[in-house]
Amino acid sequence: MSDKEREIITQFRHPVFTVEYLEEWTNRNDSVCLSPVSALQIAEAKGFYEAVKLLAREESACKK
């Protein structure tokens, strides 16, 4: 995770999607069959993080 991505996540001040939470859950790969709740949390965290990466990319492109 880049410093810019960490900055964006921190600016959101989301009660769940913190830098620490996203670092933990985006690096997991739990099985839907063995742990459907964990798999859902992973999907949610990865989706949020993908949006953050897009924002970071767009912001750096605007500065050029």
C-alpha atoms as a PDB file:
ATOM      1  CA  MET A   1       0.000   0.000   0.000  1.00  0.00           C
ATOM      2  CA  SER A   2       1.434   3.351  -1.013  1.00  0.00           C
ATOM      3  CA  ASP A   3       1.728   6.395   1.218  1.00  0.00           C
ATOM      4  CA  LYS A   4      -0.805   8.194  -0.980  1.00  0.00           C
ATOM      5  CA  GLU A   5      -3.304   5.338  -0.565  1.00  0.00           C
ATOM      6  CA  ARG A   6      -2.778   5.400   3.218  1.00  0.00           C
ATOM      7  CA  GLU A   7      -3.402   9.150   3.180  1.00  0.00           C
ATOM      8  CA  ILE A   8      -6.667   8.755   1.249  1.00  0.00           C
ATOM      9  CA  ILE A   9      -7.907   5.997   3.556  1.00  0.00           C
ATOM     10  CA  THR A  10      -7.084   8.086   6.620  1.00  0.00           C
ATOM     11  CA  GLN A  11      -8.902  11.102   5.176  1.00  0.00           C
ATOM     12  CA  PHE A  12     -12.095   9.049   4.827  1.00  0.00           C
ATOM     13  CA  ARG A  13     -12.125   8.420   8.594  1.00  0.00           C
ATOM     14  CA  HIS A  14     -14.281   5.350   8.009  1.00  0.00           C
ATOM     15  CA  PRO A  15     -15.023   3.506  11.270  1.00  0.00           C
ATOM     16  CA  VAL A  16     -14.232   0.084   9.765  1.00  0.00           C
ATOM     17  CA  PHE A  17     -12.057   0.602   6.695  1.00  0.00           C
ATOM     18  CA  THR A  18      -8.871   1.761   8.364  1.00  0.00           C
ATOM     19  CA  VAL A  19      -5.377   1.302   6.967  1.00  0.00           C
ATOM     20  CA  GLU A  20      -4.767  -1.569   9.383  1.00  0.00           C
ATOM     21  CA  TYR A  21      -8.054  -3.290   8.537  1.00  0.00           C
ATOM     22  CA  LEU A  22      -7.462  -3.055   4.794  1.00  0.00           C
ATOM     23  CA  GLU A  23      -3.872  -4.278   5.074  1.00  0.00           C
ATOM     24  CA  GLU A  24      -5.062  -7.324   6.993  1.00  0.00           C
ATOM     25  CA  TRP A  25      -8.143  -8.220   4.943  1.00  0.00           C
ATOM     26  CA  THR A  26      -6.872  -7.488   1.417  1.00  0.00           C
ATOM     27  CA  ASN A  27      -4.013  -9.938   1.933  1.00  0.00           C
ATOM     28  CA  ARG A  28      -6.256 -12.838   2.941  1.00  0.00           C
ATOM     29  CA  ASN A  29      -7.685 -15.505   0.667  1.00  0.00           C
ATOM     30  CA  ASP A  30     -10.258 -17.427   2.725  1.00  0.00           C
ATOM     31  CA  SER A  31     -12.467 -20.038   1.101  1.00  0.00           C
ATOM     32  CA  VAL A  32     -16.146 -19.219   0.649  1.00  0.00           C
ATOM     33  CA  CYS A  33     -16.989 -22.820   1.521  1.00  0.00           C
ATOM     34  CA  LEU A  34     -14.977 -22.846   4.733  1.00  0.00           C
ATOM     35  CA  SER A  35     -15.623 -19.312   5.924  1.00  0.00           C
ATOM     36  CA  PRO A  36     -18.303 -17.404   4.016  1.00  0.00           C
ATOM     37  CA  VAL A  37     -18.278 -14.476   6.455  1.00  0.00           C
ATOM     38  CA  SER A  38     -14.518 -13.990   6.068  1.00  0.00           C
ATOM     39  CA  ALA A  39     -14.764 -14.302   2.311  1.00  0.00           C
ATOM     40  CA  LEU A  40     -17.430 -11.588   2.281  1.00  0.00           C
ATOM     41  CA  GLN A  41     -15.263  -9.297   4.427  1.00  0.00           C
ATOM     42  CA  ILE A  42     -12.338  -9.870   2.067  1.00  0.00           C
ATOM     43  CA  ALA A  43     -14.448  -9.007  -0.973  1.00  0.00           C
ATOM     44  CA  GLU A  44     -15.730  -5.859   0.708  1.00  0.00           C
ATOM     45  CA  ALA A  45     -12.240  -4.749   1.786  1.00  0.00           C
ATOM     46  CA  LYS A  46     -10.764  -5.454  -1.659  1.00  0.00           C
ATOM     47  CA  GLY A  47     -13.539  -3.468  -3.348  1.00  0.00           C
ATOM     48  CA  PHE A  48     -12.974  -0.485  -1.069  1.00  0.00           C
ATOM     49  CA  TYR A  49      -9.221  -0.696  -1.607  1.00  0.00           C
ATOM     50  CA  GLU A  50      -9.644  -0.838  -5.400  1.00  0.00           C
ATOM     51  CA  ALA A  51     -11.616   2.418  -5.185  1.00  0.00           C
ATOM     52  CA  VAL A  52      -8.840   3.973  -3.099  1.00  0.00           C
ATOM     53  CA  LYS A  53      -6.223   2.886  -5.653  1.00  0.00           C
ATOM     54  CA  LEU A  54      -8.276   4.459  -8.419  1.00  0.00           C
ATOM     55  CA  LEU A  55      -8.564   7.724  -6.484  1.00  0.00           C
ATOM     56  CA  ALA A  56      -4.806   7.760  -5.886  1.00  0.00           C
ATOM     57  CA  ARG A  57      -4.123   7.124  -9.580  1.00  0.00           C
ATOM     58  CA  GLU A  58      -6.567   9.819 -10.696  1.00  0.00           C
ATOM     59  CA  GLU A  59      -5.152  12.328  -8.249  1.00  0.00           C
ATOM     60  CA  SER A  60      -1.591  11.740  -9.421  1.00  0.00           C
ATOM     61  CA  ALA A  61      -2.711  12.006 -13.082  1.00  0.00           C
ATOM     62  CA  CYS A  62      -4.347  15.381 -12.390  1.00  0.00           C
ATOM     63  CA  LYS A  63      -1.123  16.723 -10.924  1.00  0.00           C
ATOM     64  CA  LYS A  64       0.817  16.022 -14.126  1.00  0.00           C
END
